[in-house]
Amino acid sequence: MNSISLARGQVFAGLGLIALLVVSVGIGAPAWADRLEAPADAPLLARLAVDALLYLHIGGGALGLTSGTIAILSRKGAPTHRLAGRVFFLSMFVSYAIGAGVAPFLESGQRPNFIAGIVALYLLLTAWRAARRSDLTAGAAEYAGLVAAALIVAAGVLFSYQGANHPSGTVDGSPPQAFILFMVVGGFAVLGDVHLILRRQLSRTARIARHLWRMCTSLFIAAASFFFGQQQFLPDFMIGTPWQYGPVLFPLIALVVWQVLIRIPKRRAPRPA
């Protein structure tokens, strides 16, 4: 079994486990709390499923943030980069899938979090595909990705409109400006997918660029979700300081730097006389 088939098997196995846990939560009680927490009187199966999902989500996110940072800082193509990239993909896949899958079952409105999870998951999967296939060509996955990206843009426009016309000025607590991210990221993704479909195949530089910007943006979403969305778990000395903003901006800075570096022509070693 080659490495791509093995990775696919791991993905499908992870999806099956997450789906089983989410179904267990849905059967036990469809909407309990504002957070992923089950009350003491919930069925045992539901409480176990909730605890498993919570720890997998937190653990996957923490491991993903760490491994993603290592992958960005390490030399591209080196063993360290490849290993960190695999860990980042698998850990963030679990974290994103749980976040998007559980959101509909929570008591408070979670539509922005649900879409954010879908965006991050879409970027992660398409970036992984670009990295794993040196002969990346337009196929069914790319057409499906184009549809997903277009729906992300549509969701951003819809939520922005709903928030602007809602009495609270928000959609489930998020202002209309928050959905600009969906429209911008989804728009770039649509352009990238259309470019690949029209060209049928990407050059090596274009393929690496596709991989890098999608991975970095996926890491940015994860970092922003934790350092901004869960800042109550941060120590007081970090809030409002570069220690809080730095980890969120780091993937975006790395995205720009690497997009420039991969386009710089490499010097060829001189031929021996």
C-alpha atoms as a PDB file:
ATOM      1  CA  MET A   1       0.000   0.000   0.000  1.00  0.00           C
ATOM      2  CA  ASN A   2       1.522   3.351  -0.995  1.00  0.00           C
ATOM      3  CA  SER A   3       1.622   6.399   1.263  1.00  0.00           C
ATOM      4  CA  ILE A   4      -1.317   8.114  -0.474  1.00  0.00           C
ATOM      5  CA  SER A   5      -3.561   5.068  -0.028  1.00  0.00           C
ATOM      6  CA  LEU A   6      -2.491   4.787   3.613  1.00  0.00           C
ATOM      7  CA  ALA A   7      -3.289   8.441   4.236  1.00  0.00           C
ATOM      8  CA  ARG A   8      -6.693   8.013   2.613  1.00  0.00           C
ATOM      9  CA  GLY A   9      -7.368   5.039   4.842  1.00  0.00           C
ATOM     10  CA  GLN A  10      -6.474   7.072   7.919  1.00  0.00           C
ATOM     11  CA  VAL A  11      -8.745   9.884   6.794  1.00  0.00           C
ATOM     12  CA  PHE A  12     -11.718   7.601   6.207  1.00  0.00           C
ATOM     13  CA  ALA A  13     -11.115   5.806   9.510  1.00  0.00           C
ATOM     14  CA  GLY A  14     -10.995   9.150  11.307  1.00  0.00           C
ATOM     15  CA  LEU A  15     -14.175  10.285   9.578  1.00  0.00           C
ATOM     16  CA  GLY A  16     -15.935   7.111  10.609  1.00  0.00           C
ATOM     17  CA  LEU A  17     -14.930   7.506  14.258  1.00  0.00           C
ATOM     18  CA  ILE A  18     -15.933  11.171  14.357  1.00  0.00           C
ATOM     19  CA  ALA A  19     -19.256  10.429  12.644  1.00  0.00           C
ATOM     20  CA  LEU A  20     -19.971   7.676  15.194  1.00  0.00           C
ATOM     21  CA  LEU A  21     -19.248  10.013  18.101  1.00  0.00           C
ATOM     22  CA  VAL A  22     -21.324  12.840  16.625  1.00  0.00           C
ATOM     23  CA  VAL A  23     -24.250  10.488  16.045  1.00  0.00           C
ATOM     24  CA  SER A  24     -23.952   9.364  19.656  1.00  0.00           C
ATOM     25  CA  VAL A  25     -24.192  12.980  20.758  1.00  0.00           C
ATOM     26  CA  GLY A  26     -27.205  13.541  18.514  1.00  0.00           C
ATOM     27  CA  ILE A  27     -28.997  10.452  19.821  1.00  0.00           C
ATOM     28  CA  GLY A  28     -28.312  11.325  23.448  1.00  0.00           C
ATOM     29  CA  ALA A  29     -29.573  14.900  23.256  1.00  0.00           C
ATOM     30  CA  PRO A  30     -29.492  17.175  20.207  1.00  0.00           C
ATOM     31  CA  ALA A  31     -28.751  20.427  22.024  1.00  0.00           C
ATOM     32  CA  TRP A  32     -27.470  20.662  25.553  1.00  0.00           C
ATOM     33  CA  ALA A  33     -25.224  23.605  26.131  1.00  0.00           C
ATOM     34  CA  ASP A  34     -23.410  26.579  24.771  1.00  0.00           C
ATOM     35  CA  ARG A  35     -20.192  24.572  24.820  1.00  0.00           C
ATOM     36  CA  LEU A  36     -19.357  20.981  24.064  1.00  0.00           C
ATOM     37  CA  GLU A  37     -20.268  19.796  27.545  1.00  0.00           C
ATOM     38  CA  ALA A  38     -22.852  17.236  28.591  1.00  0.00           C
ATOM     39  CA  PRO A  39     -24.852  17.645  31.830  1.00  0.00           C
ATOM     40  CA  ALA A  40     -24.559  15.044  34.560  1.00  0.00           C
ATOM     41  CA  ASP A  41     -28.022  13.615  33.800  1.00  0.00           C
ATOM     42  CA  ALA A  42     -27.229  12.962  30.116  1.00  0.00           C
ATOM     43  CA  PRO A  43     -27.040   9.308  28.938  1.00  0.00           C
ATOM     44  CA  LEU A  44     -23.699   7.621  29.584  1.00  0.00           C
ATOM     45  CA  LEU A  45     -23.039   7.025  25.881  1.00  0.00           C
ATOM     46  CA  ALA A  46     -23.643  10.691  25.113  1.00  0.00           C
ATOM     47  CA  ARG A  47     -21.373  11.863  27.962  1.00  0.00           C
ATOM     48  CA  LEU A  48     -18.571   9.561  26.812  1.00  0.00           C
ATOM     49  CA  ALA A  49     -18.984  10.729  23.210  1.00  0.00           C
ATOM     50  CA  VAL A  50     -18.932  14.392  24.245  1.00  0.00           C
ATOM     51  CA  ASP A  51     -15.791  13.917  26.342  1.00  0.00           C
ATOM     52  CA  ALA A  52     -14.068  12.055  23.512  1.00  0.00           C
ATOM     53  CA  LEU A  53     -14.971  14.745  20.982  1.00  0.00           C
ATOM     54  CA  LEU A  54     -13.862  17.535  23.306  1.00  0.00           C
ATOM     55  CA  TYR A  55     -10.450  16.025  24.032  1.00  0.00           C
ATOM     56  CA  LEU A  56      -9.893  15.070  20.393  1.00  0.00           C
ATOM     57  CA  HIS A  57     -10.820  18.596  19.285  1.00  0.00           C
ATOM     58  CA  ILE A  58      -8.561  20.317  21.805  1.00  0.00           C
ATOM     59  CA  GLY A  59      -5.712  17.834  21.432  1.00  0.00           C
ATOM     60  CA  GLY A  60      -5.868  17.921  17.648  1.00  0.00           C
ATOM     61  CA  GLY A  61      -5.886  21.705  17.613  1.00  0.00           C
ATOM     62  CA  ALA A  62      -2.928  22.021  20.001  1.00  0.00           C
ATOM     63  CA  LEU A  63      -0.894  19.423  18.106  1.00  0.00           C
ATOM     64  CA  GLY A  64      -1.849  21.033  14.808  1.00  0.00           C
ATOM     65  CA  LEU A  65      -0.746  24.520  15.856  1.00  0.00           C
ATOM     66  CA  THR A  66       2.610  23.156  17.010  1.00  0.00           C
ATOM     67  CA  SER A  67       3.271  20.893  14.028  1.00  0.00           C
ATOM     68  CA  GLY A  68       2.065  23.541  11.582  1.00  0.00           C
ATOM     69  CA  THR A  69       4.548  26.043  12.964  1.00  0.00           C
ATOM     70  CA  ILE A  70       7.364  23.490  12.659  1.00  0.00           C
ATOM     71  CA  ALA A  71       6.338  22.700   9.084  1.00  0.00           C
ATOM     72  CA  ILE A  72       6.441  26.380   8.122  1.00  0.00           C
ATOM     73  CA  LEU A  73       9.842  26.999   9.704  1.00  0.00           C
ATOM     74  CA  SER A  74      11.539  23.844   8.406  1.00  0.00           C
ATOM     75  CA  ARG A  75      13.131  23.470   4.984  1.00  0.00           C
ATOM     76  CA  LYS A  76      10.508  22.509   2.414  1.00  0.00           C
ATOM     77  CA  GLY A  77      10.761  18.914   1.289  1.00  0.00           C
ATOM     78  CA  ALA A  78      13.064  17.934   4.156  1.00  0.00           C
ATOM     79  CA  PRO A  79      12.129  14.972   6.421  1.00  0.00           C
ATOM     80  CA  THR A  80      11.245  17.352   9.267  1.00  0.00           C
ATOM     81  CA  HIS A  81       8.885  19.291   7.036  1.00  0.00           C
ATOM     82  CA  ARG A  82       7.232  16.141   5.703  1.00  0.00           C
ATOM     83  CA  LEU A  83       6.740  14.623   9.150  1.00  0.00           C
ATOM     84  CA  ALA A  84       5.410  17.876  10.641  1.00  0.00           C
ATOM     85  CA  GLY A  85       3.127  18.290   7.636  1.00  0.00           C
ATOM     86  CA  ARG A  86       1.630  14.828   8.099  1.00  0.00           C
ATOM     87  CA  VAL A  87       1.054  15.450  11.797  1.00  0.00           C
ATOM     88  CA  PHE A  88      -0.501  18.835  11.022  1.00  0.00           C
ATOM     89  CA  PHE A  89      -2.826  17.362   8.420  1.00  0.00           C
ATOM     90  CA  LEU A  90      -4.092  14.479  10.546  1.00  0.00           C
ATOM     91  CA  SER A  91      -4.427  16.445  13.792  1.00  0.00           C
ATOM     92  CA  MET A  92      -6.149  19.456  12.226  1.00  0.00           C
ATOM     93  CA  PHE A  93      -8.367  17.216  10.131  1.00  0.00           C
ATOM     94  CA  VAL A  94      -9.700  15.671  13.332  1.00  0.00           C
ATOM     95  CA  SER A  95     -10.059  19.057  15.037  1.00  0.00           C
ATOM     96  CA  TYR A  96     -11.806  20.744  12.081  1.00  0.00           C
ATOM     97  CA  ALA A  97     -14.115  17.806  11.406  1.00  0.00           C
ATOM     98  CA  ILE A  98     -15.234  17.732  15.025  1.00  0.00           C
ATOM     99  CA  GLY A  99     -15.728  21.499  15.150  1.00  0.00           C
ATOM    100  CA  ALA A 100     -17.870  21.523  12.009  1.00  0.00           C
ATOM    101  CA  GLY A 101     -19.699  18.305  12.843  1.00  0.00           C
ATOM    102  CA  VAL A 102     -20.658  19.208  16.400  1.00  0.00           C
ATOM    103  CA  ALA A 103     -21.669  22.842  15.802  1.00  0.00           C
ATOM    104  CA  PRO A 104     -25.246  22.020  14.673  1.00  0.00           C
ATOM    105  CA  PHE A 105     -25.868  20.123  17.929  1.00  0.00           C
ATOM    106  CA  LEU A 106     -24.980  22.979  20.279  1.00  0.00           C
ATOM    107  CA  GLU A 107     -27.696  25.016  21.932  1.00  0.00           C
ATOM    108  CA  SER A 108     -26.506  28.477  20.918  1.00  0.00           C
ATOM    109  CA  GLY A 109     -26.251  29.532  17.288  1.00  0.00           C
ATOM    110  CA  GLN A 110     -23.052  28.210  15.701  1.00  0.00           C
ATOM    111  CA  ARG A 111     -23.495  29.009  12.027  1.00  0.00           C
ATOM    112  CA  PRO A 112     -20.288  31.100  11.746  1.00  0.00           C
ATOM    113  CA  ASN A 113     -18.277  28.405  13.535  1.00  0.00           C
ATOM    114  CA  PHE A 114     -19.764  25.722  11.314  1.00  0.00           C
ATOM    115  CA  ILE A 115     -18.805  27.567   8.120  1.00  0.00           C
ATOM    116  CA  ALA A 116     -15.363  28.409   9.533  1.00  0.00           C
ATOM    117  CA  GLY A 117     -14.789  24.712  10.166  1.00  0.00           C
ATOM    118  CA  ILE A 118     -15.853  23.871   6.621  1.00  0.00           C
ATOM    119  CA  VAL A 119     -13.525  26.558   5.194  1.00  0.00           C
ATOM    120  CA  ALA A 120     -10.555  25.315   7.205  1.00  0.00           C
ATOM    121  CA  LEU A 121     -11.293  21.699   6.312  1.00  0.00           C
ATOM    122  CA  TYR A 122     -11.637  22.536   2.601  1.00  0.00           C
ATOM    123  CA  LEU A 123      -8.302  24.382   2.612  1.00  0.00           C
ATOM    124  CA  LEU A 124      -6.599  21.556   4.485  1.00  0.00           C
ATOM    125  CA  LEU A 125      -7.810  18.824   2.126  1.00  0.00           C
ATOM    126  CA  THR A 126      -7.050  20.689  -1.096  1.00  0.00           C
ATOM    127  CA  ALA A 127      -3.616  21.744   0.190  1.00  0.00           C
ATOM    128  CA  TRP A 128      -2.830  18.138   1.125  1.00  0.00           C
ATOM    129  CA  ARG A 129      -3.886  16.964  -2.332  1.00  0.00           C
ATOM    130  CA  ALA A 130      -1.641  19.565  -3.986  1.00  0.00           C
ATOM    131  CA  ALA A 131       1.330  18.434  -1.902  1.00  0.00           C
ATOM    132  CA  ARG A 132       0.808  14.689  -2.329  1.00  0.00           C
ATOM    133  CA  ARG A 133       0.359  14.682  -6.100  1.00  0.00           C
ATOM    134  CA  SER A 134       3.285  15.905  -8.153  1.00  0.00           C
ATOM    135  CA  ASP A 135       1.166  15.366 -11.280  1.00  0.00           C
ATOM    136  CA  LEU A 136      -1.854  17.263  -9.954  1.00  0.00           C
ATOM    137  CA  THR A 137      -4.485  17.472 -12.672  1.00  0.00           C
ATOM    138  CA  ALA A 138      -8.080  18.633 -12.730  1.00  0.00           C
ATOM    139  CA  GLY A 139     -10.403  15.822 -11.743  1.00  0.00           C
ATOM    140  CA  ALA A 140     -13.602  15.147  -9.857  1.00  0.00           C
ATOM    141  CA  ALA A 141     -12.033  16.346  -6.588  1.00  0.00           C
ATOM    142  CA  GLU A 142     -11.202  19.727  -8.122  1.00  0.00           C
ATOM    143  CA  TYR A 143     -14.725  20.182  -9.487  1.00  0.00           C
ATOM    144  CA  ALA A 144     -16.132  19.279  -6.068  1.00  0.00           C
ATOM    145  CA  GLY A 145     -13.695  21.732  -4.493  1.00  0.00           C
ATOM    146  CA  LEU A 146     -14.856  24.478  -6.839  1.00  0.00           C
ATOM    147  CA  VAL A 147     -18.462  23.906  -5.767  1.00  0.00           C
ATOM    148  CA  ALA A 148     -17.434  23.955  -2.103  1.00  0.00           C
ATOM    149  CA  ALA A 149     -15.487  27.190  -2.555  1.00  0.00           C
ATOM    150  CA  ALA A 150     -18.411  28.838  -4.355  1.00  0.00           C
ATOM    151  CA  LEU A 151     -20.752  27.817  -1.522  1.00  0.00           C
ATOM    152  CA  ILE A 152     -18.325  29.306   1.006  1.00  0.00           C
ATOM    153  CA  VAL A 153     -18.454  32.637  -0.832  1.00  0.00           C
ATOM    154  CA  ALA A 154     -22.249  32.434  -0.975  1.00  0.00           C
ATOM    155  CA  ALA A 155     -22.415  31.707   2.766  1.00  0.00           C
ATOM    156  CA  GLY A 156     -20.243  34.737   3.479  1.00  0.00           C
ATOM    157  CA  VAL A 157     -22.475  37.006   1.387  1.00  0.00           C
ATOM    158  CA  LEU A 158     -25.656  35.590   2.926  1.00  0.00           C
ATOM    159  CA  PHE A 159     -24.490  35.886   6.533  1.00  0.00           C
ATOM    160  CA  SER A 160     -23.121  39.371   5.962  1.00  0.00           C
ATOM    161  CA  TYR A 161     -26.501  40.445   4.572  1.00  0.00           C
ATOM    162  CA  GLN A 162     -28.420  38.764   7.397  1.00  0.00           C
ATOM    163  CA  GLY A 163     -26.218  40.341  10.046  1.00  0.00           C
ATOM    164  CA  ALA A 164     -26.582  43.812   8.555  1.00  0.00           C
ATOM    165  CA  ASN A 165     -30.389  43.473   8.537  1.00  0.00           C
ATOM    166  CA  HIS A 166     -30.821  41.713  11.888  1.00  0.00           C
ATOM    167  CA  PRO A 167     -31.956  43.776  14.906  1.00  0.00           C
ATOM    168  CA  SER A 168     -28.867  42.661  16.831  1.00  0.00           C
ATOM    169  CA  GLY A 169     -26.579  43.545  13.926  1.00  0.00           C
ATOM    170  CA  THR A 170     -25.050  40.064  14.090  1.00  0.00           C
ATOM    171  CA  VAL A 171     -25.482  36.450  13.015  1.00  0.00           C
ATOM    172  CA  ASP A 172     -25.193  34.271  16.106  1.00  0.00           C
ATOM    173  CA  GLY A 173     -23.080  36.946  17.750  1.00  0.00           C
ATOM    174  CA  SER A 174     -20.775  37.629  14.792  1.00  0.00           C
ATOM    175  CA  PRO A 175     -20.936  41.027  13.039  1.00  0.00           C
ATOM    176  CA  PRO A 176     -21.258  41.264   9.237  1.00  0.00           C
ATOM    177  CA  GLN A 177     -17.576  42.234   8.942  1.00  0.00           C
ATOM    178  CA  ALA A 178     -16.559  38.831  10.272  1.00  0.00           C
ATOM    179  CA  PHE A 179     -17.869  37.147   7.137  1.00  0.00           C
ATOM    180  CA  ILE A 180     -15.552  39.076   4.837  1.00  0.00           C
ATOM    181  CA  LEU A 181     -12.998  36.350   5.560  1.00  0.00           C
ATOM    182  CA  PHE A 182     -15.318  33.735   4.044  1.00  0.00           C
ATOM    183  CA  MET A 183     -15.803  35.828   0.922  1.00  0.00           C
ATOM    184  CA  VAL A 184     -12.109  36.650   0.458  1.00  0.00           C
ATOM    185  CA  VAL A 185     -10.752  33.164   1.132  1.00  0.00           C
ATOM    186  CA  GLY A 186     -13.552  31.527  -0.828  1.00  0.00           C
ATOM    187  CA  GLY A 187     -13.020  33.935  -3.712  1.00  0.00           C
ATOM    188  CA  PHE A 188      -9.289  33.158  -3.956  1.00  0.00           C
ATOM    189  CA  ALA A 189     -10.090  29.455  -3.720  1.00  0.00           C
ATOM    190  CA  VAL A 190     -12.614  29.730  -6.564  1.00  0.00           C
ATOM    191  CA  LEU A 191     -10.061  31.485  -8.751  1.00  0.00           C
ATOM    192  CA  GLY A 192      -7.458  28.860  -7.941  1.00  0.00           C
ATOM    193  CA  ASP A 193      -9.790  25.976  -8.714  1.00  0.00           C
ATOM    194  CA  VAL A 194     -10.966  27.574 -11.953  1.00  0.00           C
ATOM    195  CA  HIS A 195      -7.338  28.160 -12.949  1.00  0.00           C
ATOM    196  CA  LEU A 196      -6.496  24.504 -12.347  1.00  0.00           C
ATOM    197  CA  ILE A 197      -9.567  23.260 -14.217  1.00  0.00           C
ATOM    198  CA  LEU A 198      -8.863  25.471 -17.224  1.00  0.00           C
ATOM    199  CA  ARG A 199      -5.141  24.664 -17.302  1.00  0.00           C
ATOM    200  CA  ARG A 200      -5.834  20.974 -16.615  1.00  0.00           C
ATOM    201  CA  GLN A 201      -2.457  20.701 -14.886  1.00  0.00           C
ATOM    202  CA  LEU A 202      -0.290  23.007 -12.783  1.00  0.00           C
ATOM    203  CA  SER A 203       3.410  23.677 -13.008  1.00  0.00           C
ATOM    204  CA  ARG A 204       5.556  22.659 -10.047  1.00  0.00           C
ATOM    205  CA  THR A 205       5.790  26.246  -8.765  1.00  0.00           C
ATOM    206  CA  ALA A 206       2.045  26.820  -9.115  1.00  0.00           C
ATOM    207  CA  ARG A 207       1.304  23.531  -7.356  1.00  0.00           C
ATOM    208  CA  ILE A 208       3.585  24.388  -4.427  1.00  0.00           C
ATOM    209  CA  ALA A 209       2.085  27.882  -4.238  1.00  0.00           C
ATOM    210  CA  ARG A 210      -1.392  26.342  -4.094  1.00  0.00           C
ATOM    211  CA  HIS A 211      -0.281  24.028  -1.304  1.00  0.00           C
ATOM    212  CA  LEU A 212       1.402  26.763   0.738  1.00  0.00           C
ATOM    213  CA  TRP A 213      -1.282  29.432   0.681  1.00  0.00           C
ATOM    214  CA  ARG A 214      -4.012  26.967   1.571  1.00  0.00           C
ATOM    215  CA  MET A 215      -2.046  25.356   4.402  1.00  0.00           C
ATOM    216  CA  CYS A 216      -0.986  28.727   5.831  1.00  0.00           C
ATOM    217  CA  THR A 217      -4.529  30.089   5.640  1.00  0.00           C
ATOM    218  CA  SER A 218      -5.859  26.955   7.316  1.00  0.00           C
ATOM    219  CA  LEU A 219      -3.315  27.413  10.121  1.00  0.00           C
ATOM    220  CA  PHE A 220      -4.306  31.093  10.376  1.00  0.00           C
ATOM    221  CA  ILE A 221      -7.965  30.123  10.913  1.00  0.00           C
ATOM    222  CA  ALA A 222      -6.967  27.645  13.614  1.00  0.00           C
ATOM    223  CA  ALA A 223      -4.720  30.159  15.370  1.00  0.00           C
ATOM    224  CA  ALA A 224      -7.349  32.917  15.230  1.00  0.00           C
ATOM    225  CA  SER A 225     -10.004  30.551  16.547  1.00  0.00           C
ATOM    226  CA  PHE A 226      -7.906  29.807  19.617  1.00  0.00           C
ATOM    227  CA  PHE A 227      -6.023  33.034  20.387  1.00  0.00           C
ATOM    228  CA  PHE A 228      -8.995  35.307  19.615  1.00  0.00           C
ATOM    229  CA  GLY A 229     -12.020  33.054  20.011  1.00  0.00           C
ATOM    230  CA  GLN A 230     -10.865  31.306  23.189  1.00  0.00           C
ATOM    231  CA  GLN A 231      -8.839  34.043  24.833  1.00  0.00           C
ATOM    232  CA  GLN A 232     -10.483  33.323  28.186  1.00  0.00           C
ATOM    233  CA  PHE A 233      -8.057  30.406  28.406  1.00  0.00           C
ATOM    234  CA  LEU A 234      -5.024  32.642  27.857  1.00  0.00           C
ATOM    235  CA  PRO A 235      -3.038  34.073  30.788  1.00  0.00           C
ATOM    236  CA  ASP A 236      -3.691  37.734  31.487  1.00  0.00           C
ATOM    237  CA  PHE A 237      -0.211  38.849  30.435  1.00  0.00           C
ATOM    238  CA  MET A 238      -0.862  37.657  26.851  1.00  0.00           C
ATOM    239  CA  ILE A 239      -4.198  39.362  26.196  1.00  0.00           C
ATOM    240  CA  GLY A 240      -3.876  42.479  24.061  1.00  0.00           C
ATOM    241  CA  THR A 241      -0.121  41.991  23.576  1.00  0.00           C
ATOM    242  CA  PRO A 242       2.059  40.717  20.707  1.00  0.00           C
ATOM    243  CA  TRP A 243       2.021  37.302  22.430  1.00  0.00           C
ATOM    244  CA  GLN A 244      -1.655  37.044  21.487  1.00  0.00           C
ATOM    245  CA  TYR A 245      -1.500  38.607  18.025  1.00  0.00           C
ATOM    246  CA  GLY A 246       1.849  37.163  16.946  1.00  0.00           C
ATOM    247  CA  PRO A 247       0.759  33.506  16.581  1.00  0.00           C
ATOM    248  CA  VAL A 248      -2.265  34.608  14.527  1.00  0.00           C
ATOM    249  CA  LEU A 249      -0.296  36.845  12.153  1.00  0.00           C
ATOM    250  CA  PHE A 250       2.601  34.395  11.808  1.00  0.00           C
ATOM    251  CA  PRO A 251       0.914  32.131   9.198  1.00  0.00           C
ATOM    252  CA  LEU A 252      -0.037  35.146   7.074  1.00  0.00           C
ATOM    253  CA  ILE A 253       3.507  36.523   7.182  1.00  0.00           C
ATOM    254  CA  ALA A 254       4.877  33.087   6.338  1.00  0.00           C
ATOM    255  CA  LEU A 255       2.405  32.827   3.450  1.00  0.00           C
ATOM    256  CA  VAL A 256       3.736  36.032   1.855  1.00  0.00           C
ATOM    257  CA  VAL A 257       7.388  35.139   2.465  1.00  0.00           C
ATOM    258  CA  TRP A 258       7.132  31.665   0.980  1.00  0.00           C
ATOM    259  CA  GLN A 259       5.085  32.836  -2.005  1.00  0.00           C
ATOM    260  CA  VAL A 260       8.034  35.090  -2.836  1.00  0.00           C
ATOM    261  CA  LEU A 261      10.766  32.549  -2.078  1.00  0.00           C
ATOM    262  CA  ILE A 262       9.370  29.776  -4.269  1.00  0.00           C
ATOM    263  CA  ARG A 263       9.397  32.125  -7.261  1.00  0.00           C
ATOM    264  CA  ILE A 264      13.057  33.104  -6.910  1.00  0.00           C
ATOM    265  CA  PRO A 265      15.081  31.192  -9.536  1.00  0.00           C
ATOM    266  CA  LYS A 266      17.509  28.734  -7.985  1.00  0.00           C
ATOM    267  CA  ARG A 267      21.157  29.021  -8.878  1.00  0.00           C
ATOM    268  CA  ARG A 268      22.447  26.035 -10.737  1.00  0.00           C
ATOM    269  CA  ALA A 269      25.749  24.558  -9.721  1.00  0.00           C
ATOM    270  CA  PRO A 270      28.477  25.245 -12.300  1.00  0.00           C
ATOM    271  CA  ARG A 271      29.317  22.333 -14.537  1.00  0.00           C
ATOM    272  CA  PRO A 272      32.752  20.838 -14.061  1.00  0.00           C
ATOM    273  CA  ALA A 273      35.237  21.750 -16.713  1.00  0.00           C
END
